[in-house]
Every structure is written in C-alpha cells, then in structure tokens.
Amino acid sequence: MAELDVALVAADREVWSGKASLVIAKTADGDVGVMPGHQPILSLLKPSVITIKTVVDGAAGETLKAALHGGFISVADNRVSLLSESAELTAEIDAGRAQEALNRARAGEFGADSEAAAARAELRLRAVGRGE
C-alpha cells in the first residue's frame, strides 16, 4: 500500500504525525483529497474539519478528524504538511465546553471577538459531530 507521510502541526506543538492513505482538507480553492502520488500543491487552508485516514503496518488504520483553524497545506513527494495557528484532534475537544463557549459567544460575552469565538466553537462542535 502506498503511503503519505503526514504532519499536522499547530503553532505550539505537533498535533499528529504518521502514515496515511488519504488526507481531506478545505483549501481556499475548495476541498482537496490527497492520496499517494498527488501532484505538488501549496495552498491556504480554510477553518474546517480535516480527515486523515491512517495506515498502520501497511494496513488501513483509523480515521482521524481534527478542527483546523486555518493555515497552510503543502504536498510534495508523498509528504503532506498541515500547518495551522491552532489544531485539535476530536479526542482533544470537550464538546460540552465548546457548546458553552458557543452560547457565551452568541450572547456577546466576548465583545468584538464574539463572532470569531462563535466560529471557533462551531468548528469544534462540527469536528465532534455535534455541529450544524
């Protein structure tokens, strides 16, 4: 099985790295699915939920999802780099806390930042399957 070397990196940490058979992300030009042998690309990433189909010992592994708060994607020579200011795997997201943040943002508790806070909370909820 052909594989991709994938690195999902936030500004403060490496969120995940490993082998994958597929990466799906939302770029400025639309959705992109990257498989082994993909042509080189460099693009802006929109805030979205990304999907990574992992490979373990040459066989299909689990499907990871992450809330990616914008950034860049680079693809070349079966290497995929996803670079973001902030990224969270679904296992790291507390859905209750995200819902509370969304409610507070919609109530305007974050002042001028309320719209951005609501967008971040909605993205987290979509990543865990509780979004609209």
C-alpha atoms as a PDB file:
ATOM      1  CA  MET A   1       0.000   0.000   0.000  1.00  0.00           C
ATOM      2  CA  ALA A   2       1.392   3.392  -0.992  1.00  0.00           C
ATOM      3  CA  GLU A   3       1.564   5.841   1.888  1.00  0.00           C
ATOM      4  CA  LEU A   4       1.780   9.516   2.693  1.00  0.00           C
ATOM      5  CA  ASP A   5       3.976  10.958   5.443  1.00  0.00           C
ATOM      6  CA  VAL A   6       1.679  13.413   7.201  1.00  0.00           C
ATOM      7  CA  ALA A   7       2.443  16.071   9.791  1.00  0.00           C
ATOM      8  CA  LEU A   8      -0.312  18.120  11.426  1.00  0.00           C
ATOM      9  CA  VAL A   9       1.385  20.983  13.237  1.00  0.00           C
ATOM     10  CA  ALA A  10      -0.052  23.827  15.322  1.00  0.00           C
ATOM     11  CA  ALA A  11       1.900  26.916  16.307  1.00  0.00           C
ATOM     12  CA  ASP A  12       2.728  25.454  19.717  1.00  0.00           C
ATOM     13  CA  ARG A  13       3.027  21.702  19.051  1.00  0.00           C
ATOM     14  CA  GLU A  14       2.990  18.779  16.689  1.00  0.00           C
ATOM     15  CA  VAL A  15      -0.615  17.581  16.874  1.00  0.00           C
ATOM     16  CA  TRP A  16      -0.162  14.338  14.915  1.00  0.00           C
ATOM     17  CA  SER A  17       2.293  12.762  12.522  1.00  0.00           C
ATOM     18  CA  GLY A  18       2.382   9.396  10.858  1.00  0.00           C
ATOM     19  CA  LYS A  19       1.479   7.408   7.776  1.00  0.00           C
ATOM     20  CA  ALA A  20      -1.799   7.876   5.921  1.00  0.00           C
ATOM     21  CA  SER A  21      -3.518   6.772   2.743  1.00  0.00           C
ATOM     22  CA  LEU A  22      -5.715   9.870   2.396  1.00  0.00           C
ATOM     23  CA  VAL A  23      -5.930  13.445   3.679  1.00  0.00           C
ATOM     24  CA  ILE A  24      -9.026  15.575   3.033  1.00  0.00           C
ATOM     25  CA  ALA A  25      -8.837  19.315   3.686  1.00  0.00           C
ATOM     26  CA  LYS A  26     -10.644  22.505   2.676  1.00  0.00           C
ATOM     27  CA  THR A  27      -8.365  24.903   0.811  1.00  0.00           C
ATOM     28  CA  ALA A  28      -9.015  28.425  -0.410  1.00  0.00           C
ATOM     29  CA  ASP A  29      -9.849  26.862  -3.797  1.00  0.00           C
ATOM     30  CA  GLY A  30     -12.166  24.150  -2.434  1.00  0.00           C
ATOM     31  CA  ASP A  31     -11.914  20.668  -0.969  1.00  0.00           C
ATOM     32  CA  VAL A  32      -8.835  18.626  -1.776  1.00  0.00           C
ATOM     33  CA  GLY A  33      -8.265  14.914  -1.307  1.00  0.00           C
ATOM     34  CA  VAL A  34      -4.603  13.945  -1.217  1.00  0.00           C
ATOM     35  CA  MET A  35      -3.542  10.368  -1.950  1.00  0.00           C
ATOM     36  CA  PRO A  36      -0.078   8.935  -2.610  1.00  0.00           C
ATOM     37  CA  GLY A  37       1.332  10.283  -5.874  1.00  0.00           C
ATOM     38  CA  HIS A  38      -0.613  13.562  -5.641  1.00  0.00           C
ATOM     39  CA  GLN A  39       0.804  16.484  -7.575  1.00  0.00           C
ATOM     40  CA  PRO A  40       2.636  19.102  -5.501  1.00  0.00           C
ATOM     41  CA  ILE A  41       0.472  21.858  -4.055  1.00  0.00           C
ATOM     42  CA  LEU A  42       0.823  24.751  -1.655  1.00  0.00           C
ATOM     43  CA  SER A  43      -2.416  26.386  -0.559  1.00  0.00           C
ATOM     44  CA  LEU A  44      -4.151  28.284   2.197  1.00  0.00           C
ATOM     45  CA  LEU A  45      -6.439  26.208   4.412  1.00  0.00           C
ATOM     46  CA  LYS A  46      -9.837  27.469   5.457  1.00  0.00           C
ATOM     47  CA  PRO A  47     -11.008  26.841   9.016  1.00  0.00           C
ATOM     48  CA  SER A  48     -12.560  23.392   8.670  1.00  0.00           C
ATOM     49  CA  VAL A  49     -12.639  19.801   9.809  1.00  0.00           C
ATOM     50  CA  ILE A  50      -9.892  17.753   8.179  1.00  0.00           C
ATOM     51  CA  THR A  51      -9.852  13.983   7.769  1.00  0.00           C
ATOM     52  CA  ILE A  52      -6.799  11.713   7.857  1.00  0.00           C
ATOM     53  CA  LYS A  53      -7.122   8.013   7.007  1.00  0.00           C
ATOM     54  CA  THR A  54      -4.172   6.473   8.819  1.00  0.00           C
ATOM     55  CA  VAL A  55      -2.048   3.487   7.837  1.00  0.00           C
ATOM     56  CA  VAL A  56      -0.658   1.102  10.464  1.00  0.00           C
ATOM     57  CA  ASP A  57       1.861  -1.582   9.468  1.00  0.00           C
ATOM     58  CA  GLY A  58       0.850  -1.247   5.818  1.00  0.00           C
ATOM     59  CA  ALA A  59      -2.876  -1.724   6.501  1.00  0.00           C
ATOM     60  CA  ALA A  60      -5.756   0.688   6.901  1.00  0.00           C
ATOM     61  CA  GLY A  61      -5.855   2.210  10.366  1.00  0.00           C
ATOM     62  CA  GLU A  62      -8.270   4.599  11.993  1.00  0.00           C
ATOM     63  CA  THR A  63      -9.840   7.737  10.586  1.00  0.00           C
ATOM     64  CA  LEU A  64      -8.767  10.868  12.434  1.00  0.00           C
ATOM     65  CA  LYS A  65     -10.627  14.153  12.316  1.00  0.00           C
ATOM     66  CA  ALA A  66      -9.376  17.483  13.546  1.00  0.00           C
ATOM     67  CA  ALA A  67     -10.636  21.031  13.863  1.00  0.00           C
ATOM     68  CA  LEU A  68      -8.134  23.094  11.898  1.00  0.00           C
ATOM     69  CA  HIS A  69      -8.360  26.830  12.410  1.00  0.00           C
ATOM     70  CA  GLY A  70      -6.906  27.923   9.067  1.00  0.00           C
ATOM     71  CA  GLY A  71      -3.301  27.640   7.935  1.00  0.00           C
ATOM     72  CA  PHE A  72      -1.437  26.116   5.014  1.00  0.00           C
ATOM     73  CA  ILE A  73      -1.125  22.753   3.267  1.00  0.00           C
ATOM     74  CA  SER A  74       1.974  21.638   1.430  1.00  0.00           C
ATOM     75  CA  VAL A  75       2.099  18.443  -0.622  1.00  0.00           C
ATOM     76  CA  ALA A  76       5.233  17.130  -2.352  1.00  0.00           C
ATOM     77  CA  ASP A  77       6.831  13.710  -2.808  1.00  0.00           C
ATOM     78  CA  ASN A  78       4.163  11.910  -0.727  1.00  0.00           C
ATOM     79  CA  ARG A  79       4.696  14.304   2.177  1.00  0.00           C
ATOM     80  CA  VAL A  80       1.766  16.332   3.478  1.00  0.00           C
ATOM     81  CA  SER A  81       2.309  19.182   5.914  1.00  0.00           C
ATOM     82  CA  LEU A  82      -0.724  20.817   7.510  1.00  0.00           C
ATOM     83  CA  LEU A  83       0.372  23.957   9.357  1.00  0.00           C
ATOM     84  CA  SER A  84      -2.060  25.933  11.481  1.00  0.00           C
ATOM     85  CA  GLU A  85      -2.189  28.509  14.230  1.00  0.00           C
ATOM     86  CA  SER A  86      -4.396  26.074  16.134  1.00  0.00           C
ATOM     87  CA  ALA A  87      -5.477  22.473  15.513  1.00  0.00           C
ATOM     88  CA  GLU A  88      -7.287  19.972  17.727  1.00  0.00           C
ATOM     89  CA  LEU A  89      -7.939  16.268  17.226  1.00  0.00           C
ATOM     90  CA  THR A  90     -11.520  15.289  18.021  1.00  0.00           C
ATOM     91  CA  ALA A  91     -10.297  13.320  21.050  1.00  0.00           C
ATOM     92  CA  GLU A  92      -8.944  16.584  22.495  1.00  0.00           C
ATOM     93  CA  ILE A  93     -12.194  18.526  22.122  1.00  0.00           C
ATOM     94  CA  ASP A  94     -14.557  18.826  25.086  1.00  0.00           C
ATOM     95  CA  ALA A  95     -17.946  19.122  23.372  1.00  0.00           C
ATOM     96  CA  GLY A  96     -19.658  20.483  26.477  1.00  0.00           C
ATOM     97  CA  ARG A  97     -17.070  23.205  26.860  1.00  0.00           C
ATOM     98  CA  ALA A  98     -17.316  24.048  23.150  1.00  0.00           C
ATOM     99  CA  GLN A  99     -21.108  24.321  23.421  1.00  0.00           C
ATOM    100  CA  GLU A 100     -20.760  26.580  26.457  1.00  0.00           C
ATOM    101  CA  ALA A 101     -18.274  28.784  24.554  1.00  0.00           C
ATOM    102  CA  LEU A 102     -20.693  28.964  21.618  1.00  0.00           C
ATOM    103  CA  ASN A 103     -23.564  30.010  23.882  1.00  0.00           C
ATOM    104  CA  ARG A 104     -21.410  32.682  25.536  1.00  0.00           C
ATOM    105  CA  ALA A 105     -20.201  33.956  22.156  1.00  0.00           C
ATOM    106  CA  ARG A 106     -23.741  34.168  20.803  1.00  0.00           C
ATOM    107  CA  ALA A 107     -24.689  36.151  23.917  1.00  0.00           C
ATOM    108  CA  GLY A 108     -21.923  38.615  23.059  1.00  0.00           C
ATOM    109  CA  GLU A 109     -19.813  37.889  26.137  1.00  0.00           C
ATOM    110  CA  PHE A 110     -16.588  38.176  24.151  1.00  0.00           C
ATOM    111  CA  GLY A 111     -17.337  41.663  22.869  1.00  0.00           C
ATOM    112  CA  ALA A 112     -15.743  42.389  19.496  1.00  0.00           C
ATOM    113  CA  ASP A 113     -14.296  38.850  19.467  1.00  0.00           C
ATOM    114  CA  SER A 114     -17.700  37.162  19.868  1.00  0.00           C
ATOM    115  CA  GLU A 115     -18.118  36.370  16.167  1.00  0.00           C
ATOM    116  CA  ALA A 116     -14.663  34.776  15.923  1.00  0.00           C
ATOM    117  CA  ALA A 117     -15.205  32.872  19.188  1.00  0.00           C
ATOM    118  CA  ALA A 118     -18.527  31.535  17.891  1.00  0.00           C
ATOM    119  CA  ALA A 119     -16.877  30.368  14.651  1.00  0.00           C
ATOM    120  CA  ARG A 120     -14.143  28.530  16.591  1.00  0.00           C
ATOM    121  CA  ALA A 121     -16.703  26.865  18.870  1.00  0.00           C
ATOM    122  CA  GLU A 122     -18.903  25.846  15.922  1.00  0.00           C
ATOM    123  CA  LEU A 123     -15.881  24.302  14.187  1.00  0.00           C
ATOM    124  CA  ARG A 124     -15.020  22.285  17.304  1.00  0.00           C
ATOM    125  CA  LEU A 125     -18.608  21.047  17.523  1.00  0.00           C
ATOM    126  CA  ARG A 126     -18.611  20.044  13.828  1.00  0.00           C
ATOM    127  CA  ALA A 127     -15.389  18.119  14.392  1.00  0.00           C
ATOM    128  CA  VAL A 128     -17.006  16.009  17.119  1.00  0.00           C
ATOM    129  CA  GLY A 129     -20.175  15.502  15.068  1.00  0.00           C
ATOM    130  CA  ARG A 130     -22.389  17.900  17.018  1.00  0.00           C
ATOM    131  CA  GLY A 131     -22.334  20.853  14.674  1.00  0.00           C
ATOM    132  CA  GLU A 132     -24.853  22.160  12.218  1.00  0.00           C
END
